[in-house]
PDB file of N, CA and C in Angstrom:
ATOM      1  N   MET A   1     134.552 -17.177-121.794  1.00  0.00           N
ATOM      2  CA  MET A   1     135.153 -15.886-121.924  1.00  0.00           C
ATOM      3  C   MET A   1     134.065 -14.819-121.858  1.00  0.00           C
ATOM      4  N   ASN A   2     134.300 -13.787-121.139  1.00  0.00           N
ATOM      5  CA  ASN A   2     133.275 -12.751-121.094  1.00  0.00           C
ATOM      6  C   ASN A   2     133.470 -11.755-122.233  1.00  0.00           C
ATOM      7  N   MET A   3     132.513 -10.900-122.429  1.00  0.00           N
ATOM      8  CA  MET A   3     132.511  -9.982-123.558  1.00  0.00           C
ATOM      9  C   MET A   3     133.633  -8.964-123.459  1.00  0.00           C
ATOM     10  N   TYR A   4     133.945  -8.545-122.253  1.00  0.00           N
ATOM     11  CA  TYR A   4     135.013  -7.565-122.068  1.00  0.00           C
ATOM     12  C   TYR A   4     136.326  -8.110-122.607  1.00  0.00           C
ATOM     13  N   ASN A   5     136.616  -9.369-122.310  1.00  0.00           N
ATOM     14  CA  ASN A   5     137.848  -9.984-122.806  1.00  0.00           C
ATOM     15  C   ASN A   5     137.839 -10.092-124.320  1.00  0.00           C
ATOM     16  N   LEU A   6     136.692 -10.404-124.915  1.00  0.00           N
ATOM     17  CA  LEU A   6     136.593 -10.481-126.371  1.00  0.00           C
ATOM     18  C   LEU A   6     136.916  -9.136-127.007  1.00  0.00           C
ATOM     19  N   LEU A   7     136.328  -8.073-126.471  1.00  0.00           N
ATOM     20  CA  LEU A   7     136.575  -6.747-127.023  1.00  0.00           C
ATOM     21  C   LEU A   7     138.028  -6.327-126.817  1.00  0.00           C
ATOM     22  N   LEU A   8     138.583  -6.668-125.670  1.00  0.00           N
ATOM     23  CA  LEU A   8     139.968  -6.319-125.362  1.00  0.00           C
ATOM     24  C   LEU A   8     140.925  -7.034-126.309  1.00  0.00           C
ATOM     25  N   GLU A   9     140.683  -8.322-126.537  1.00  0.00           N
ATOM     26  CA  GLU A   9     141.546  -9.085-127.439  1.00  0.00           C
ATOM     27  C   GLU A   9     141.433  -8.582-128.868  1.00  0.00           C
ATOM     28  N   ALA A  10     140.225  -8.209-129.296  1.00  0.00           N
ATOM     29  CA  ALA A  10     140.046  -7.709-130.657  1.00  0.00           C
ATOM     30  C   ALA A  10     140.777  -6.389-130.837  1.00  0.00           C
ATOM     31  N   GLY A  11     140.761  -5.537-129.819  1.00  0.00           N
ATOM     32  CA  GLY A  11     141.459  -4.260-129.904  1.00  0.00           C
ATOM     33  C   GLY A  11     142.964  -4.437-129.896  1.00  0.00           C
ATOM     34  N   GLN A  12     143.497  -5.418-129.192  1.00  0.00           N
ATOM     35  CA  GLN A  12     144.933  -5.656-129.122  1.00  0.00           C
ATOM     36  C   GLN A  12     145.454  -6.235-130.428  1.00  0.00           C
ATOM     37  N   ALA A  13     144.654  -7.016-131.080  1.00  0.00           N
ATOM     38  CA  ALA A  13     145.102  -7.643-132.319  1.00  0.00           C
ATOM     39  C   ALA A  13     145.028  -6.685-133.490  1.00  0.00           C
ATOM     40  N   GLY A  14     144.459  -5.506-133.272  1.00  0.00           N
ATOM     41  CA  GLY A  14     144.345  -4.530-134.342  1.00  0.00           C
ATOM     42  C   GLY A  14     143.172  -4.805-135.268  1.00  0.00           C
ATOM     43  N   GLN A  15     142.285  -5.666-134.851  1.00  0.00           N
ATOM     44  CA  GLN A  15     141.128  -6.003-135.673  1.00  0.00           C
ATOM     45  C   GLN A  15     139.901  -5.256-135.167  1.00  0.00           C
ATOM     46  N   GLN A  16     138.941  -5.133-136.043  1.00  0.00           N
ATOM     47  CA  GLN A  16     137.648  -4.581-135.650  1.00  0.00           C
ATOM     48  C   GLN A  16     136.895  -5.661-134.886  1.00  0.00           C
ATOM     49  N   PRO A  17     136.148  -5.274-133.829  1.00  0.00           N
ATOM     50  CA  PRO A  17     135.349  -6.292-133.135  1.00  0.00           C
ATOM     51  C   PRO A  17     134.286  -6.849-134.074  1.00  0.00           C
ATOM     52  N   SER A  18     133.933  -8.084-133.863  1.00  0.00           N
ATOM     53  CA  SER A  18     132.932  -8.713-134.727  1.00  0.00           C
ATOM     54  C   SER A  18     131.562  -8.059-134.516  1.00  0.00           C
ATOM     55  N   MET A  19     130.685  -8.269-135.464  1.00  0.00           N
ATOM     56  CA  MET A  19     129.332  -7.701-135.384  1.00  0.00           C
ATOM     57  C   MET A  19     128.600  -8.238-134.160  1.00  0.00           C
ATOM     58  N   LEU A  20     128.816  -9.509-133.861  1.00  0.00           N
ATOM     59  CA  LEU A  20     128.175 -10.104-132.692  1.00  0.00           C
ATOM     60  C   LEU A  20     128.647  -9.431-131.414  1.00  0.00           C
ATOM     61  N   ALA A  21     129.933  -9.174-131.319  1.00  0.00           N
ATOM     62  CA  ALA A  21     130.473  -8.518-130.131  1.00  0.00           C
ATOM     63  C   ALA A  21     129.946  -7.097-129.994  1.00  0.00           C
ATOM     64  N   MET A  22     129.641  -6.451-131.114  1.00  0.00           N
ATOM     65  CA  MET A  22     129.130  -5.079-131.060  1.00  0.00           C
ATOM     66  C   MET A  22     127.660  -5.038-130.646  1.00  0.00           C
ATOM     67  N   PHE A  23     126.886  -5.982-131.138  1.00  0.00           N
ATOM     68  CA  PHE A  23     125.446  -5.951-130.883  1.00  0.00           C
ATOM     69  C   PHE A  23     125.003  -6.779-129.686  1.00  0.00           C
ATOM     70  N   LEU A  24     125.858  -7.607-129.148  1.00  0.00           N
ATOM     71  CA  LEU A  24     125.503  -8.455-128.026  1.00  0.00           C
ATOM     72  C   LEU A  24     125.034  -7.661-126.802  1.00  0.00           C
ATOM     73  N   PRO A  25     125.713  -6.581-126.405  1.00  0.00           N
ATOM     74  CA  PRO A  25     125.212  -5.817-125.255  1.00  0.00           C
ATOM     75  C   PRO A  25     123.827  -5.225-125.507  1.00  0.00           C
ATOM     76  N   LEU A  26     123.588  -4.761-126.718  1.00  0.00           N
ATOM     77  CA  LEU A  26     122.286  -4.206-127.063  1.00  0.00           C
ATOM     78  C   LEU A  26     121.193  -5.277-127.002  1.00  0.00           C
ATOM     79  N   ILE A  27     121.499  -6.444-127.505  1.00  0.00           N
ATOM     80  CA  ILE A  27     120.546  -7.558-127.488  1.00  0.00           C
ATOM     81  C   ILE A  27     120.256  -7.981-126.053  1.00  0.00           C
ATOM     82  N   LEU A  28     121.302  -8.066-125.239  1.00  0.00           N
ATOM     83  CA  LEU A  28     121.106  -8.453-123.840  1.00  0.00           C
ATOM     84  C   LEU A  28     120.278  -7.418-123.073  1.00  0.00           C
ATOM     85  N   MET A  29     120.495  -6.136-123.331  1.00  0.00           N
ATOM     86  CA  MET A  29     119.713  -5.098-122.658  1.00  0.00           C
ATOM     87  C   MET A  29     118.245  -5.173-123.063  1.00  0.00           C
ATOM     88  N   PHE A  30     117.982  -5.414-124.348  1.00  0.00           N
ATOM     89  CA  PHE A  30     116.597  -5.535-124.794  1.00  0.00           C
ATOM     90  C   PHE A  30     115.923  -6.745-124.156  1.00  0.00           C
ATOM     91  N   ALA A  31     116.632  -7.872-124.083  1.00  0.00           N
ATOM     92  CA  ALA A  31     116.066  -9.074-123.466  1.00  0.00           C
ATOM     93  C   ALA A  31     115.765  -8.828-121.992  1.00  0.00           C
ATOM     94  N   LEU A  32     116.678  -8.181-121.300  1.00  0.00           N
ATOM     95  CA  LEU A  32     116.468  -7.871-119.883  1.00  0.00           C
ATOM     96  C   LEU A  32     115.267  -6.941-119.702  1.00  0.00           C
ATOM     97  N   MET A  33     115.159  -5.923-120.553  1.00  0.00           N
ATOM     98  CA  MET A  33     114.035  -4.993-120.458  1.00  0.00           C
ATOM     99  C   MET A  33     112.714  -5.719-120.742  1.00  0.00           C
ATOM    100  N   TYR A  34     112.730  -6.641-121.694  1.00  0.00           N
ATOM    101  CA  TYR A  34     111.518  -7.389-122.015  1.00  0.00           C
ATOM    102  C   TYR A  34     111.046  -8.197-120.810  1.00  0.00           C
ATOM    103  N   PHE A  35     111.952  -8.911-120.153  1.00  0.00           N
ATOM    104  CA  PHE A  35     111.555  -9.775-119.044  1.00  0.00           C
ATOM    105  C   PHE A  35     111.256  -9.007-117.764  1.00  0.00           C
ATOM    106  N   LEU A  36     111.797  -7.801-117.610  1.00  0.00           N
ATOM    107  CA  LEU A  36     111.548  -7.037-116.391  1.00  0.00           C
ATOM    108  C   LEU A  36     110.405  -6.037-116.522  1.00  0.00           C
ATOM    109  N   ALA A  37     110.094  -5.582-117.727  1.00  0.00           N
ATOM    110  CA  ALA A  37     109.084  -4.537-117.873  1.00  0.00           C
ATOM    111  C   ALA A  37     107.933  -4.926-118.801  1.00  0.00           C
ATOM    112  N   ILE A  38     108.233  -5.336-119.989  1.00  0.00           N
ATOM    113  CA  ILE A  38     107.195  -5.547-121.004  1.00  0.00           C
ATOM    114  C   ILE A  38     106.339  -6.768-120.698  1.00  0.00           C
ATOM    115  N   ARG A  39     106.950  -7.894-120.401  1.00  0.00           N
ATOM    116  CA  ARG A  39     106.198  -9.134-120.167  1.00  0.00           C
ATOM    117  C   ARG A  39     105.252  -9.039-118.964  1.00  0.00           C
ATOM    118  N   PRO A  40     105.703  -8.534-117.796  1.00  0.00           N
ATOM    119  CA  PRO A  40     104.765  -8.421-116.674  1.00  0.00           C
ATOM    120  C   PRO A  40     103.597  -7.478-116.966  1.00  0.00           C
ATOM    121  N   GLN A  41     103.850  -6.397-117.706  1.00  0.00           N
ATOM    122  CA  GLN A  41     102.776  -5.463-118.045  1.00  0.00           C
ATOM    123  C   GLN A  41     101.750  -6.131-118.951  1.00  0.00           C
ATOM    124  N   LYS A  42     102.208  -6.946-119.889  1.00  0.00           N
ATOM    125  CA  LYS A  42     101.277  -7.669-120.762  1.00  0.00           C
ATOM    126  C   LYS A  42     100.401  -8.622-119.952  1.00  0.00           C
ATOM    127  N   LYS A  43     100.993  -9.277-118.946  1.00  0.00           N
ATOM    128  CA  LYS A  43     100.206 -10.187-118.102  1.00  0.00           C
ATOM    129  C   LYS A  43      99.150  -9.420-117.313  1.00  0.00           C
ATOM    130  N   ARG A  44      99.512  -8.252-116.769  1.00  0.00           N
ATOM    131  CA  ARG A  44      98.531  -7.446-116.027  1.00  0.00           C
ATOM    132  C   ARG A  44      97.413  -6.959-116.951  1.00  0.00           C
ATOM    133  N   ASP A  45      97.773  -6.544-118.172  1.00  0.00           N
ATOM    134  CA  ASP A  45      96.763  -6.096-119.126  1.00  0.00           C
ATOM    135  C   ASP A  45      95.810  -7.226-119.498  1.00  0.00           C
ATOM    136  N   GLU A  46      96.349  -8.420-119.678  1.00  0.00           N
ATOM    137  CA  GLU A  46      95.513  -9.574-120.018  1.00  0.00           C
ATOM    138  C   GLU A  46      94.569  -9.917-118.870  1.00  0.00           C
ATOM    139  N   ALA A  47      95.057  -9.866-117.636  1.00  0.00           N
ATOM    140  CA  ALA A  47      94.203 -10.157-116.477  1.00  0.00           C
ATOM    141  C   ALA A  47      93.085  -9.120-116.358  1.00  0.00           C
ATOM    142  N   LEU A  48      93.396  -7.844-116.581  1.00  0.00           N
ATOM    143  CA  LEU A  48      92.369  -6.797-116.533  1.00  0.00           C
ATOM    144  C   LEU A  48      91.338  -6.989-117.642  1.00  0.00           C
ATOM    145  N   ARG A  49      91.794  -7.360-118.837  1.00  0.00           N
ATOM    146  CA  ARG A  49      90.867  -7.588-119.944  1.00  0.00           C
ATOM    147  C   ARG A  49      89.908  -8.729-119.620  1.00  0.00           C
ATOM    148  N   LYS A  50      90.427  -9.794-118.972  1.00  0.00           N
ATOM    149  CA  LYS A  50      89.565 -10.909-118.578  1.00  0.00           C
ATOM    150  C   LYS A  50      88.551 -10.460-117.520  1.00  0.00           C
ATOM    151  N   GLN A  51      88.990  -9.628-116.566  1.00  0.00           N
ATOM    152  CA  GLN A  51      88.070  -9.107-115.553  1.00  0.00           C
ATOM    153  C   GLN A  51      86.965  -8.286-116.204  1.00  0.00           C
ATOM    154  N   ILE A  52      87.328  -7.435-117.137  1.00  0.00           N
ATOM    155  CA  ILE A  52      86.346  -6.567-117.792  1.00  0.00           C
ATOM    156  C   ILE A  52      85.374  -7.403-118.615  1.00  0.00           C
ATOM    157  N   ASP A  53      85.875  -8.421-119.303  1.00  0.00           N
ATOM    158  CA  ASP A  53      84.990  -9.277-120.093  1.00  0.00           C
ATOM    159  C   ASP A  53      84.031 -10.069-119.215  1.00  0.00           C
ATOM    160  N   ALA A  54      84.441 -10.394-117.976  1.00  0.00           N
ATOM    161  CA  ALA A  54      83.620 -11.216-117.091  1.00  0.00           C
ATOM    162  C   ALA A  54      82.725 -10.397-116.161  1.00  0.00           C
ATOM    163  N   MET A  55      82.834  -9.062-116.181  1.00  0.00           N
ATOM    164  CA  MET A  55      82.031  -8.267-115.232  1.00  0.00           C
ATOM    165  C   MET A  55      80.551  -8.345-115.577  1.00  0.00           C
ATOM    166  N   GLN A  56      79.740  -8.253-114.531  1.00  0.00           N
ATOM    167  CA  GLN A  56      78.294  -8.353-114.670  1.00  0.00           C
ATOM    168  C   GLN A  56      77.631  -7.222-113.894  1.00  0.00           C
ATOM    169  N   VAL A  57      76.335  -7.036-114.156  1.00  0.00           N
ATOM    170  CA  VAL A  57      75.564  -6.042-113.420  1.00  0.00           C
ATOM    171  C   VAL A  57      75.614  -6.384-111.936  1.00  0.00           C
ATOM    172  N   GLY A  58      75.908  -5.399-111.106  1.00  0.00           N
ATOM    173  CA  GLY A  58      75.999  -5.593-109.668  1.00  0.00           C
ATOM    174  C   GLY A  58      77.421  -5.661-109.145  1.00  0.00           C
ATOM    175  N   ASP A  59      78.386  -5.897-110.019  1.00  0.00           N
ATOM    176  CA  ASP A  59      79.788  -5.918-109.590  1.00  0.00           C
ATOM    177  C   ASP A  59      80.249  -4.495-109.278  1.00  0.00           C
ATOM    178  N   ARG A  60      81.210  -4.389-108.371  1.00  0.00           N
ATOM    179  CA  ARG A  60      81.789  -3.082-108.048  1.00  0.00           C
ATOM    180  C   ARG A  60      82.964  -2.827-108.985  1.00  0.00           C
ATOM    181  N   VAL A  61      83.120  -1.573-109.412  1.00  0.00           N
ATOM    182  CA  VAL A  61      84.228  -1.212-110.290  1.00  0.00           C
ATOM    183  C   VAL A  61      84.908   0.049-109.779  1.00  0.00           C
ATOM    184  N   VAL A  62      86.157   0.199-110.171  1.00  0.00           N
ATOM    185  CA  VAL A  62      86.921   1.410-109.918  1.00  0.00           C
ATOM    186  C   VAL A  62      87.412   1.885-111.273  1.00  0.00           C
ATOM    187  N   THR A  63      87.173   3.164-111.583  1.00  0.00           N
ATOM    188  CA  THR A  63      87.613   3.701-112.870  1.00  0.00           C
ATOM    189  C   THR A  63      89.044   4.207-112.769  1.00  0.00           C
ATOM    190  N   ILE A  64      89.625   4.546-113.911  1.00  0.00           N
ATOM    191  CA  ILE A  64      90.989   5.064-113.905  1.00  0.00           C
ATOM    192  C   ILE A  64      91.060   6.433-113.240  1.00  0.00           C
ATOM    193  N   GLY A  65      89.927   7.106-113.103  1.00  0.00           N
ATOM    194  CA  GLY A  65      89.875   8.390-112.417  1.00  0.00           C
ATOM    195  C   GLY A  65      89.621   8.262-110.926  1.00  0.00           C
ATOM    196  N   GLY A  66      89.424   7.029-110.437  1.00  0.00           N
ATOM    197  CA  GLY A  66      89.221   6.797-109.017  1.00  0.00           C
ATOM    198  C   GLY A  66      87.764   6.761-108.588  1.00  0.00           C
ATOM    199  N   ILE A  67      86.832   6.844-109.510  1.00  0.00           N
ATOM    200  CA  ILE A  67      85.411   6.784-109.175  1.00  0.00           C
ATOM    201  C   ILE A  67      85.024   5.328-108.948  1.00  0.00           C
ATOM    202  N   THR A  68      84.347   5.079-107.829  1.00  0.00           N
ATOM    203  CA  THR A  68      83.908   3.723-107.520  1.00  0.00           C
ATOM    204  C   THR A  68      82.393   3.656-107.563  1.00  0.00           C
ATOM    205  N   GLY A  69      81.887   2.486-107.827  1.00  0.00           N
ATOM    206  CA  GLY A  69      80.444   2.298-107.853  1.00  0.00           C
ATOM    207  C   GLY A  69      80.083   0.900-108.301  1.00  0.00           C
ATOM    208  N   ARG A  70      78.775   0.673-108.406  1.00  0.00           N
ATOM    209  CA  ARG A  70      78.253  -0.622-108.853  1.00  0.00           C
ATOM    210  C   ARG A  70      77.776  -0.511-110.293  1.00  0.00           C
ATOM    211  N   ILE A  71      77.976  -1.592-111.033  1.00  0.00           N
ATOM    212  CA  ILE A  71      77.532  -1.608-112.418  1.00  0.00           C
ATOM    213  C   ILE A  71      76.016  -1.668-112.441  1.00  0.00           C
ATOM    214  N   PHE A  72      75.427  -0.726-113.162  1.00  0.00           N
ATOM    215  CA  PHE A  72      73.981  -0.649-113.297  1.00  0.00           C
ATOM    216  C   PHE A  72      73.540  -1.252-114.627  1.00  0.00           C
ATOM    217  N   ASN A  73      74.357  -1.045-115.670  1.00  0.00           N
ATOM    218  CA  ASN A  73      73.988  -1.513-117.001  1.00  0.00           C
ATOM    219  C   ASN A  73      75.267  -1.675-117.826  1.00  0.00           C
ATOM    220  N   ILE A  74      75.293  -2.692-118.676  1.00  0.00           N
ATOM    221  CA  ILE A  74      76.399  -2.891-119.614  1.00  0.00           C
ATOM    222  C   ILE A  74      75.789  -2.944-121.004  1.00  0.00           C
ATOM    223  N   GLN A  75      76.284  -2.079-121.875  1.00  0.00           N
ATOM    224  CA  GLN A  75      75.742  -2.030-123.228  1.00  0.00           C
ATOM    225  C   GLN A  75      76.887  -1.792-124.210  1.00  0.00           C
ATOM    226  N   GLY A  76      77.257  -2.815-124.960  1.00  0.00           N
ATOM    227  CA  GLY A  76      78.361  -2.688-125.908  1.00  0.00           C
ATOM    228  C   GLY A  76      79.671  -2.430-125.189  1.00  0.00           C
ATOM    229  N   ASP A  77      80.320  -1.323-125.541  1.00  0.00           N
ATOM    230  CA  ASP A  77      81.586  -0.989-124.885  1.00  0.00           C
ATOM    231  C   ASP A  77      81.413   0.084-123.819  1.00  0.00           C
ATOM    232  N   GLU A  78      80.164   0.303-123.376  1.00  0.00           N
ATOM    233  CA  GLU A  78      79.885   1.288-122.337  1.00  0.00           C
ATOM    234  C   GLU A  78      79.301   0.612-121.094  1.00  0.00           C
ATOM    235  N   VAL A  79      79.681   1.154-119.935  1.00  0.00           N
ATOM    236  CA  VAL A  79      79.223   0.627-118.655  1.00  0.00           C
ATOM    237  C   VAL A  79      78.606   1.782-117.883  1.00  0.00           C
ATOM    238  N   THR A  80      77.371   1.608-117.401  1.00  0.00           N
ATOM    239  CA  THR A  80      76.735   2.615-116.560  1.00  0.00           C
ATOM    240  C   THR A  80      76.933   2.208-115.116  1.00  0.00           C
ATOM    241  N   VAL A  81      77.466   3.153-114.326  1.00  0.00           N
ATOM    242  CA  VAL A  81      77.835   2.882-112.942  1.00  0.00           C
ATOM    243  C   VAL A  81      77.014   3.774-112.019  1.00  0.00           C
ATOM    244  N   SER A  82      76.435   3.162-110.968  1.00  0.00           N
ATOM    245  CA  SER A  82      75.740   3.900-109.916  1.00  0.00           C
ATOM    246  C   SER A  82      76.779   4.239-108.865  1.00  0.00           C
ATOM    247  N   THR A  83      77.004   5.553-108.626  1.00  0.00           N
ATOM    248  CA  THR A  83      78.163   5.957-107.836  1.00  0.00           C
ATOM    249  C   THR A  83      77.878   6.401-106.416  1.00  0.00           C
ATOM    250  N   SER A  84      76.606   6.543-106.024  1.00  0.00           N
ATOM    251  CA  SER A  84      76.355   7.029-104.669  1.00  0.00           C
ATOM    252  C   SER A  84      75.022   6.512-104.158  1.00  0.00           C
ATOM    253  N   VAL A  85      74.689   6.935-102.948  1.00  0.00           N
ATOM    254  CA  VAL A  85      73.434   6.529-102.329  1.00  0.00           C
ATOM    255  C   VAL A  85      72.248   7.092-103.120  1.00  0.00           C
ATOM    256  N   GLN A  86      72.417   8.268-103.705  1.00  0.00           N
ATOM    257  CA  GLN A  86      71.341   8.874-104.486  1.00  0.00           C
ATOM    258  C   GLN A  86      71.218   8.259-105.879  1.00  0.00           C
ATOM    259  N   ASN A  87      71.979   7.183-106.141  1.00  0.00           N
ATOM    260  CA  ASN A  87      71.964   6.492-107.426  1.00  0.00           C
ATOM    261  C   ASN A  87      72.308   7.409-108.589  1.00  0.00           C
ATOM    262  N   THR A  88      73.360   8.167-108.445  1.00  0.00           N
ATOM    263  CA  THR A  88      73.866   8.972-109.550  1.00  0.00           C
ATOM    264  C   THR A  88      74.446   8.020-110.581  1.00  0.00           C
ATOM    265  N   LEU A  89      73.950   8.094-111.801  1.00  0.00           N
ATOM    266  CA  LEU A  89      74.391   7.188-112.852  1.00  0.00           C
ATOM    267  C   LEU A  89      75.401   7.897-113.746  1.00  0.00           C
ATOM    268  N   MET A  90      76.517   7.232-113.980  1.00  0.00           N
ATOM    269  CA  MET A  90      77.552   7.747-114.864  1.00  0.00           C
ATOM    270  C   MET A  90      77.891   6.652-115.862  1.00  0.00           C
ATOM    271  N   THR A  91      78.108   7.039-117.111  1.00  0.00           N
ATOM    272  CA  THR A  91      78.442   6.077-118.148  1.00  0.00           C
ATOM    273  C   THR A  91      79.913   6.235-118.534  1.00  0.00           C
ATOM    274  N   PHE A  92      80.607   5.111-118.569  1.00  0.00           N
ATOM    275  CA  PHE A  92      82.029   5.083-118.911  1.00  0.00           C
ATOM    276  C   PHE A  92      82.254   4.085-120.031  1.00  0.00           C
ATOM    277  N   LYS A  93      83.336   4.265-120.766  1.00  0.00           N
ATOM    278  CA  LYS A  93      83.799   3.250-121.708  1.00  0.00           C
ATOM    279  C   LYS A  93      84.458   2.134-120.901  1.00  0.00           C
ATOM    280  N   LYS A  94      84.429   0.934-121.428  1.00  0.00           N
ATOM    281  CA  LYS A  94      85.057  -0.183-120.719  1.00  0.00           C
ATOM    282  C   LYS A  94      86.551   0.051-120.529  1.00  0.00           C
ATOM    283  N   SER A  95      87.162   0.800-121.423  1.00  0.00           N
ATOM    284  CA  SER A  95      88.598   1.067-121.303  1.00  0.00           C
ATOM    285  C   SER A  95      88.921   1.978-120.126  1.00  0.00           C
ATOM    286  N   ALA A  96      87.900   2.619-119.530  1.00  0.00           N
ATOM    287  CA  ALA A  96      88.118   3.492-118.377  1.00  0.00           C
ATOM    288  C   ALA A  96      88.028   2.734-117.057  1.00  0.00           C
ATOM    289  N   ILE A  97      87.769   1.433-117.105  1.00  0.00           N
ATOM    290  CA  ILE A  97      87.676   0.624-115.889  1.00  0.00           C
ATOM    291  C   ILE A  97      89.080   0.173-115.497  1.00  0.00           C
ATOM    292  N   ALA A  98      89.462   0.447-114.259  1.00  0.00           N
ATOM    293  CA  ALA A  98      90.797   0.069-113.773  1.00  0.00           C
ATOM    294  C   ALA A  98      90.773  -1.232-112.978  1.00  0.00           C
ATOM    295  N   ASN A  99      89.641  -1.532-112.324  1.00  0.00           N
ATOM    296  CA  ASN A  99      89.565  -2.727-111.488  1.00  0.00           C
ATOM    297  C   ASN A  99      88.117  -3.152-111.357  1.00  0.00           C
ATOM    298  N   VAL A 100      87.891  -4.440-111.360  1.00  0.00           N
ATOM    299  CA  VAL A 100      86.551  -5.001-111.166  1.00  0.00           C
ATOM    300  C   VAL A 100      86.590  -5.833-109.891  1.00  0.00           C
ATOM    301  N   ILE A 101      85.666  -5.515-108.970  1.00  0.00           N
ATOM    302  CA  ILE A 101      85.566  -6.258-107.716  1.00  0.00           C
ATOM    303  C   ILE A 101      84.257  -7.018-107.778  1.00  0.00           C
ATOM    304  N   SER A 102      84.355  -8.319-108.027  1.00  0.00           N
ATOM    305  CA  SER A 102      83.162  -9.129-108.219  1.00  0.00           C
ATOM    306  C   SER A 102      82.578  -9.520-106.872  1.00  0.00           C
ATOM    307  N   ASP A 103      81.256  -9.387-106.731  1.00  0.00           N
ATOM    308  CA  ASP A 103      80.573  -9.795-105.507  1.00  0.00           C
ATOM    309  C   ASP A 103      80.085 -11.236-105.593  1.00  0.00           C
ATOM    310  N   ARG A 104      80.310 -11.863-106.747  1.00  0.00           N
ATOM    311  CA  ARG A 104      79.880 -13.250-106.899  1.00  0.00           C
ATOM    312  C   ARG A 104      80.680 -14.142-105.973  1.00  0.00           C
ATOM    313  N   GLN A 105      80.068 -15.229-105.575  1.00  0.00           N
ATOM    314  CA  GLN A 105      80.752 -16.176-104.708  1.00  0.00           C
ATOM    315  C   GLN A 105      81.854 -16.886-105.496  1.00  0.00           C
ATOM    316  N   PRO A 106      82.926 -17.277-104.825  1.00  0.00           N
ATOM    317  CA  PRO A 106      84.024 -17.936-105.536  1.00  0.00           C
ATOM    318  C   PRO A 106      83.584 -19.162-106.322  1.00  0.00           C
ATOM    319  N   GLU A 107      82.604 -19.915-105.805  1.00  0.00           N
ATOM    320  CA  GLU A 107      82.138 -21.100-106.517  1.00  0.00           C
ATOM    321  C   GLU A 107      81.472 -20.707-107.830  1.00  0.00           C
ATOM    322  N   ALA A 108      80.708 -19.618-107.812  1.00  0.00           N
ATOM    323  CA  ALA A 108      80.027 -19.175-109.026  1.00  0.00           C
ATOM    324  C   ALA A 108      81.038 -18.694-110.056  1.00  0.00           C
ATOM    325  N   SER A 109      82.066 -17.986-109.607  1.00  0.00           N
ATOM    326  CA  SER A 109      83.069 -17.517-110.553  1.00  0.00           C
ATOM    327  C   SER A 109      83.913 -18.684-111.071  1.00  0.00           C
ATOM    328  N   ALA A 110      84.137 -19.700-110.244  1.00  0.00           N
ATOM    329  CA  ALA A 110      84.870 -20.881-110.694  1.00  0.00           C
ATOM    330  C   ALA A 110      84.070 -21.615-111.765  1.00  0.00           C
ATOM    331  N   GLU A 111      82.746 -21.691-111.575  1.00  0.00           N
ATOM    332  CA  GLU A 111      81.892 -22.312-112.585  1.00  0.00           C
ATOM    333  C   GLU A 111      81.959 -21.536-113.888  1.00  0.00           C
ATOM    334  N   ALA A 112      81.910 -20.206-113.796  1.00  0.00           N
ATOM    335  CA  ALA A 112      81.983 -19.368-115.000  1.00  0.00           C
ATOM    336  C   ALA A 112      83.319 -19.568-115.703  1.00  0.00           C
ATOM    337  N   ASP A 113      84.417 -19.665-114.945  1.00  0.00           N
ATOM    338  CA  ASP A 113      85.731 -19.899-115.538  1.00  0.00           C
ATOM    339  C   ASP A 113      85.775 -21.243-116.248  1.00  0.00           C
ATOM    340  N   ASN A 114      85.180 -22.284-115.615  1.00  0.00           N
ATOM    341  CA  ASN A 114      85.161 -23.607-116.236  1.00  0.00           C
ATOM    342  C   ASN A 114      84.365 -23.594-117.532  1.00  0.00           C
ATOM    343  N   LYS A 115      83.237 -22.875-117.543  1.00  0.00           N
ATOM    344  CA  LYS A 115      82.436 -22.776-118.768  1.00  0.00           C
ATOM    345  C   LYS A 115      83.220 -22.075-119.865  1.00  0.00           C
ATOM    346  N   GLU A 116      83.963 -21.009-119.503  1.00  0.00           N
ATOM    347  CA  GLU A 116      84.769 -20.291-120.489  1.00  0.00           C
ATOM    348  C   GLU A 116      85.852 -21.190-121.059  1.00  0.00           C
ATOM    349  N   LYS A 117      86.503 -21.983-120.201  1.00  0.00           N
ATOM    350  CA  LYS A 117      87.554 -22.871-120.661  1.00  0.00           C
ATOM    351  C   LYS A 117      87.008 -23.926-121.620  1.00  0.00           C
ATOM    352  N   LYS A 118      85.819 -24.473-121.286  1.00  0.00           N
ATOM    353  CA  LYS A 118      85.205 -25.477-122.156  1.00  0.00           C
ATOM    354  C   LYS A 118      84.841 -24.862-123.506  1.00  0.00           C
ATOM    355  N   ALA A 119      84.339 -23.621-123.479  1.00  0.00           N
ATOM    356  CA  ALA A 119      83.973 -22.950-124.724  1.00  0.00           C
ATOM    357  C   ALA A 119      85.211 -22.678-125.574  1.00  0.00           C
ATOM    358  N   GLU A 120      86.330 -22.317-124.941  1.00  0.00           N
ATOM    359  CA  GLU A 120      87.562 -22.068-125.680  1.00  0.00           C
ATOM    360  C   GLU A 120      88.111 -23.358-126.292  1.00  0.00           C
ATOM    361  N   LYS A 121      87.972 -24.484-125.572  1.00  0.00           N
ATOM    362  CA  LYS A 121      88.455 -25.759-126.082  1.00  0.00           C
ATOM    363  C   LYS A 121      87.666 -26.186-127.306  1.00  0.00           C
ATOM    364  N   LYS A 122      86.359 -25.885-127.331  1.00  0.00           N
ATOM    365  CA  LYS A 122      85.519 -26.254-128.463  1.00  0.00           C
ATOM    366  C   LYS A 122      85.877 -25.462-129.709  1.00  0.00           C
ATOM    367  N   LYS A 123      86.406 -24.239-129.515  1.00  0.00           N
ATOM    368  CA  LYS A 123      86.777 -23.405-130.671  1.00  0.00           C
ATOM    369  C   LYS A 123      88.017 -23.933-131.252  1.00  0.00           C
TER     370      LYS A 123
END
């Protein structure tokens, strides 16, 4: 039986609809919103956090403001980026990094991923 029929029958019998019938549409909308919006965004945020944690000196980055350059120095939560041929240095917070483009070879990054996985298993 679908929900429309439940509500229709409850109204015909002169009874109040049950609490479940009242909140079911709200629950279904929240579940749909979670699977279509919230969950994919969390996955993208997690992937970006992993990229930022794995970035090294020499990798190319793009900031949230659209500035591109190579990482010159990483110190704590700040990243110094060389942005032009004249080696203009700009310092950003790690939270301002939108994308990391690693110049490392795929084999080297695969090795780094394997080391990270082994370290996580030991914890």
